[in-house]
Amino acid sequence: MTDTTDLDAEDRKIVTLARSARARNGVPEGAAVRDETGRTYVAGTVALESLKLSALQTAVAMAVASGATSLEAAAVVSTAETPSDEDRAAVRDLGGPDTPVFLAGPDGTLRVRVTAG
């Protein structure tokens, strides 16, 4: 069960989607972002010899490639204690410095809520 009771329904949704992507694909991280129209983009870690992207970087890239012009929120599920500077920068590039970034553990428990700035 995802313990994200202090998040609204739309933010809980992207945490759940991120958690599902991580579990389904067997990758270290899962992420989801919500764009300015409410569309969501879900991704896992990319670890190719020639290309390495975190799950959140991949989700942001998917949003950009699909025509998103801004982000409302981002979520990542990981064993990390805090979102990386690179992940926050990717969110900030598309969503701006005030875009919320949620980090949840693999069990879905919200660990950290920060802004992209």
Protein backbone atom coordinates (compact mmCIF):
# COMPACT_ATOMS: atom_id res chain seq x y z
CA MET A 1 0.00 0.00 0.00
CA THR A 2 1.31 3.43 -0.93
CA ASP A 3 1.46 5.68 2.11
CA THR A 4 1.08 9.07 0.48
CA THR A 5 -1.86 10.36 2.49
CA ASP A 6 -0.57 13.92 2.50
CA LEU A 7 -0.63 14.06 -1.32
CA ASP A 8 -3.66 14.88 -3.43
CA ALA A 9 -5.15 12.21 -5.68
CA GLU A 10 -3.26 13.28 -8.81
CA ASP A 11 0.09 13.27 -7.00
CA ARG A 12 -0.65 9.86 -5.45
CA LYS A 13 -1.38 8.63 -8.98
CA ILE A 14 2.07 9.54 -10.31
CA VAL A 15 3.77 7.95 -7.29
CA THR A 16 1.77 4.77 -7.92
CA LEU A 17 2.65 4.84 -11.64
CA ALA A 18 6.33 5.31 -10.83
CA ARG A 19 6.25 2.42 -8.38
CA SER A 20 4.54 0.19 -10.94
CA ALA A 21 7.12 1.02 -13.62
CA ARG A 22 9.97 0.10 -11.28
CA ALA A 23 8.40 -3.21 -10.29
CA ARG A 24 7.12 -4.19 -13.73
CA ASN A 25 10.43 -3.53 -15.49
CA GLY A 26 12.76 -4.70 -12.73
CA VAL A 27 14.78 -1.47 -12.88
CA PRO A 28 16.43 0.46 -10.03
CA GLU A 29 14.06 3.43 -10.39
CA GLY A 30 10.62 4.19 -11.74
CA ALA A 31 9.34 7.69 -12.43
CA ALA A 32 6.29 9.53 -13.64
CA VAL A 33 5.63 13.14 -14.55
CA ARG A 34 2.40 15.04 -15.17
CA ASP A 35 2.36 17.75 -17.83
CA GLU A 36 0.40 20.98 -18.03
CA THR A 37 -2.60 19.22 -19.60
CA GLY A 38 -2.71 16.41 -17.03
CA ARG A 39 -1.12 13.77 -19.26
CA THR A 40 1.29 11.43 -17.51
CA TYR A 41 4.53 9.92 -18.75
CA VAL A 42 5.99 6.86 -17.03
CA ALA A 43 9.51 5.51 -17.37
CA GLY A 44 12.19 3.35 -15.84
CA THR A 45 15.95 3.64 -15.68
CA VAL A 46 17.75 3.41 -19.05
CA ALA A 47 21.09 1.64 -18.79
CA LEU A 48 22.55 1.00 -22.22
CA GLU A 49 26.22 0.98 -23.02
CA SER A 50 25.83 4.19 -25.04
CA LEU A 51 23.00 5.84 -23.09
CA LYS A 52 22.39 6.13 -19.36
CA LEU A 53 19.40 8.05 -18.00
CA SER A 54 17.68 7.98 -14.67
CA ALA A 55 14.01 7.11 -14.67
CA LEU A 56 13.05 10.73 -14.02
CA GLN A 57 15.27 12.03 -16.82
CA THR A 58 13.66 9.48 -19.14
CA ALA A 59 10.13 10.49 -18.10
CA VAL A 60 10.94 14.17 -18.69
CA ALA A 61 12.42 13.32 -22.11
CA MET A 62 9.27 11.38 -22.99
CA ALA A 63 7.13 14.37 -22.02
CA VAL A 64 9.24 16.73 -24.15
CA ALA A 65 9.20 14.32 -27.10
CA SER A 66 5.41 14.15 -26.83
CA GLY A 67 5.01 17.93 -27.00
CA ALA A 68 4.66 18.87 -23.32
CA THR A 69 5.58 22.48 -22.65
CA SER A 70 5.54 22.36 -18.84
CA LEU A 71 5.27 19.99 -15.89
CA GLU A 72 2.88 20.12 -12.94
CA ALA A 73 4.64 17.47 -10.83
CA ALA A 74 7.18 14.65 -10.89
CA ALA A 75 7.63 11.48 -8.86
CA VAL A 76 10.44 8.96 -8.56
CA VAL A 77 10.51 5.65 -6.70
CA SER A 78 13.99 4.64 -5.66
CA THR A 79 16.15 3.45 -2.80
CA ALA A 80 17.82 6.89 -2.79
CA GLU A 81 17.28 9.24 0.12
CA THR A 82 16.79 12.35 -2.01
CA PRO A 83 16.26 13.19 -5.70
CA SER A 84 19.56 13.75 -7.49
CA ASP A 85 20.60 17.21 -8.64
CA GLU A 86 20.47 15.95 -12.24
CA ASP A 87 16.88 14.75 -11.81
CA ARG A 88 15.79 18.03 -10.28
CA ALA A 89 17.52 19.92 -13.10
CA ALA A 90 15.63 17.94 -15.75
CA VAL A 91 12.31 18.70 -14.03
CA ARG A 92 13.30 22.36 -13.59
CA ASP A 93 14.21 22.69 -17.30
CA LEU A 94 10.66 21.79 -18.32
CA GLY A 95 8.54 22.66 -15.31
CA GLY A 96 10.36 25.52 -13.63
CA PRO A 97 11.90 25.82 -10.17
CA ASP A 98 8.63 25.50 -8.22
CA THR A 99 7.62 22.14 -9.73
CA PRO A 100 7.18 19.59 -6.91
CA VAL A 101 9.31 16.45 -7.00
CA PHE A 102 8.21 13.52 -4.83
CA LEU A 103 10.60 10.73 -3.85
CA ALA A 104 9.10 7.51 -2.54
CA GLY A 105 10.76 4.32 -1.40
CA PRO A 106 10.15 0.99 -3.14
CA ASP A 107 7.24 0.33 -0.76
CA GLY A 108 5.57 3.54 -1.92
CA THR A 109 6.16 5.49 1.28
CA LEU A 110 6.80 9.14 0.54
CA ARG A 111 10.30 10.04 1.76
CA VAL A 112 10.88 13.53 0.44
CA ARG A 113 8.93 16.34 -1.18
CA VAL A 114 11.13 19.03 -2.73
CA THR A 115 10.89 21.52 -5.56
CA ALA A 116 12.90 21.32 -8.75
CA GLY A 117 14.58 24.65 -7.93
